[in-house]
Amino acid sequence: MTEATTPRQKSTLYIGGLDHQVTTQTLHDAFIPFGEIVDISLPKPELASNEDPHRGFGYVEFSLAQDAAEAIDNMDQSELFGRVIKVNQAKPQKEAGEGLGSRTAVWEQEGYAAKYNVNETDAIEETEQTNGNDPMQGLEGLDEAGPRMQ
């Protein structure tokens, strides 16, 4: 996953806090004043039932990023079906084995080691450069607790 956002991501909005009565037509009607809408989706729960038509959030994709920015400015923290909604630029979707919620430990994921790890020889060299000597030097005789008797 790259840090750069694509033009499609810039024109796609995340709408959170939706009431379960909200439909794609409702979102279309609410966001059409800001520009041409390309796509609207309301993700369904994994175990969908008739009681839960969607998961309480959705995505609206505009044809132009400027229209999406205007929709954010005007619709964020507004009220829809009696609930205050959050409207933000959508973040890129993570792959199944990436980030929180994955079944792979974060430190075992690709790219983590390259970003956060320093090999041992680099760490030792850095310690010697900052201290100028062995960090364990002068610790002899400290195997007993308490003050030293003279």
Protein backbone atom coordinates (compact mmCIF):
# COMPACT_ATOMS: atom_id res chain seq x y z
CA MET A 1 0.00 0.00 0.00
CA THR A 2 1.40 3.39 -0.94
CA GLU A 3 1.01 6.67 0.88
CA ALA A 4 -0.08 8.55 -2.26
CA THR A 5 -3.78 8.88 -2.88
CA THR A 6 -5.23 8.27 -6.30
CA PRO A 7 -7.66 10.72 -7.92
CA ARG A 8 -10.46 8.21 -7.28
CA GLN A 9 -9.66 8.17 -3.56
CA LYS A 10 -9.71 11.97 -3.46
CA SER A 11 -13.21 12.01 -4.93
CA THR A 12 -14.63 9.25 -2.71
CA LEU A 13 -16.22 10.17 0.61
CA TYR A 14 -16.84 8.12 3.73
CA ILE A 15 -20.20 8.86 5.33
CA GLY A 16 -20.50 7.52 8.88
CA GLY A 17 -23.21 7.47 11.53
CA LEU A 18 -26.00 6.58 9.12
CA ASP A 19 -29.40 5.51 10.35
CA HIS A 20 -30.54 2.11 9.07
CA GLN A 21 -33.39 3.79 7.16
CA VAL A 22 -30.87 5.48 4.86
CA THR A 23 -30.73 3.98 1.36
CA THR A 24 -28.53 4.62 -1.66
CA GLN A 25 -31.32 6.82 -3.02
CA THR A 26 -31.29 8.86 0.21
CA LEU A 27 -27.53 9.41 -0.08
CA HIS A 28 -27.89 10.27 -3.76
CA ASP A 29 -30.55 12.89 -2.98
CA ALA A 30 -28.50 14.36 -0.12
CA PHE A 31 -25.21 14.63 -2.05
CA ILE A 32 -26.32 15.40 -5.64
CA PRO A 33 -26.34 19.20 -5.04
CA PHE A 34 -22.52 19.11 -4.78
CA GLY A 35 -21.78 17.50 -8.16
CA GLU A 36 -22.06 14.46 -10.39
CA ILE A 37 -22.10 11.22 -8.41
CA VAL A 38 -20.34 8.22 -9.96
CA ASP A 39 -21.10 5.53 -7.38
CA ILE A 40 -22.77 4.99 -3.99
CA SER A 41 -22.29 1.96 -1.79
CA LEU A 42 -23.65 0.90 1.59
CA PRO A 43 -21.62 -2.11 2.81
CA LYS A 44 -23.76 -4.90 4.24
CA PRO A 45 -22.86 -6.87 7.38
CA GLU A 46 -21.24 -10.27 6.86
CA LEU A 47 -24.27 -12.02 8.32
CA ALA A 48 -26.88 -9.84 6.69
CA SER A 49 -30.44 -9.98 7.95
CA ASN A 50 -33.52 -8.00 7.00
CA GLU A 51 -33.17 -5.93 10.18
CA ASP A 52 -29.69 -4.62 9.25
CA PRO A 53 -29.74 -3.34 5.66
CA HIS A 54 -26.24 -1.83 6.01
CA ARG A 55 -23.45 -1.34 8.56
CA GLY A 56 -24.15 2.30 9.42
CA PHE A 57 -21.74 3.85 6.93
CA GLY A 58 -21.40 4.28 3.21
CA TYR A 59 -19.30 5.68 0.38
CA VAL A 60 -20.19 8.31 -2.19
CA GLU A 61 -17.88 8.77 -5.17
CA PHE A 62 -17.98 12.02 -7.11
CA SER A 63 -16.62 12.55 -10.60
CA LEU A 64 -14.51 15.52 -9.41
CA ALA A 65 -12.39 15.87 -6.28
CA GLN A 66 -13.51 19.51 -5.91
CA ASP A 67 -17.13 18.37 -5.62
CA ALA A 68 -16.13 15.89 -2.91
CA ALA A 69 -14.31 18.63 -0.97
CA GLU A 70 -17.38 20.87 -1.19
CA ALA A 71 -19.59 18.03 0.06
CA ILE A 72 -17.28 17.52 3.04
CA ASP A 73 -17.40 21.23 3.89
CA ASN A 74 -21.20 21.33 3.73
CA MET A 75 -22.30 17.91 4.99
CA ASP A 76 -19.85 16.99 7.77
CA GLN A 77 -21.66 17.16 11.14
CA SER A 78 -25.02 17.68 9.45
CA GLU A 79 -28.18 15.78 10.38
CA LEU A 80 -29.71 12.99 8.30
CA PHE A 81 -32.71 11.00 9.58
CA GLY A 82 -32.20 12.49 13.03
CA ARG A 83 -28.54 11.47 13.32
CA VAL A 84 -25.41 13.59 13.00
CA ILE A 85 -23.30 12.18 10.19
CA LYS A 86 -19.56 12.33 9.63
CA VAL A 87 -18.32 13.04 6.14
CA ASN A 88 -14.62 12.61 5.39
CA GLN A 89 -12.38 11.67 2.50
CA ALA A 90 -12.34 7.87 2.24
CA LYS A 91 -9.13 6.10 3.17
CA PRO A 92 -7.70 3.38 0.92
CA GLN A 93 -8.96 -0.10 1.69
CA LYS A 94 -6.44 -2.28 3.50
CA GLU A 95 -5.60 -5.73 2.30
CA ALA A 96 -6.86 -8.68 4.36
CA GLY A 97 -3.45 -9.36 5.91
CA GLU A 98 -2.58 -5.77 6.74
CA GLY A 99 -3.06 -3.54 9.79
CA LEU A 100 -5.32 -4.03 12.77
CA GLY A 101 -7.88 -6.77 12.41
CA SER A 102 -5.65 -8.99 10.32
CA ARG A 103 -4.72 -12.48 11.36
CA THR A 104 -1.03 -11.74 11.03
CA ALA A 105 0.94 -10.04 13.79
CA VAL A 106 1.89 -6.46 12.93
CA TRP A 107 5.62 -7.19 13.23
CA GLU A 108 5.29 -10.10 10.79
CA GLN A 109 3.60 -8.02 8.09
CA GLU A 110 5.48 -7.05 4.98
CA GLY A 111 7.24 -3.73 5.26
CA TYR A 112 7.19 -3.53 9.07
CA ALA A 113 10.75 -4.83 9.48
CA ALA A 114 12.11 -2.45 6.88
CA LYS A 115 10.36 0.50 8.50
CA TYR A 116 11.10 -0.15 12.19
CA ASN A 117 13.95 -2.62 12.60
CA VAL A 118 17.61 -1.78 12.94
CA ASN A 119 20.03 -4.69 12.70
CA GLU A 120 22.20 -5.46 15.75
CA THR A 121 25.53 -4.31 14.32
CA ASP A 122 24.08 -0.87 13.51
CA ALA A 123 22.67 -0.58 17.05
CA ILE A 124 26.03 -1.53 18.64
CA GLU A 125 27.95 0.91 16.43
CA GLU A 126 25.49 3.69 17.29
CA THR A 127 25.87 3.01 21.03
CA GLU A 128 29.66 3.08 20.80
CA GLN A 129 29.57 6.35 18.87
CA THR A 130 27.27 8.07 21.37
CA ASN A 131 29.00 6.81 24.55
CA GLY A 132 32.51 6.57 23.21
CA ASN A 133 33.06 3.39 25.25
CA ASP A 134 31.52 0.11 26.29
CA PRO A 135 28.11 0.67 27.91
CA MET A 136 28.80 -2.16 30.38
CA GLN A 137 32.04 -0.60 31.59
CA GLY A 138 32.05 0.38 35.28
CA LEU A 139 29.33 -2.04 36.30
CA GLU A 140 31.70 -4.56 37.90
CA GLY A 141 30.87 -5.37 41.51
CA LEU A 142 27.26 -4.40 41.22
CA ASP A 143 26.07 -7.98 41.73
CA GLU A 144 25.17 -7.18 45.35
CA ALA A 145 22.40 -4.84 46.45
CA GLY A 146 22.86 -2.13 49.03
CA PRO A 147 25.54 0.41 49.88
CA ARG A 148 29.23 -0.47 49.56
CA MET A 149 31.12 -1.03 52.78
CA GLN A 150 34.50 0.65 52.83
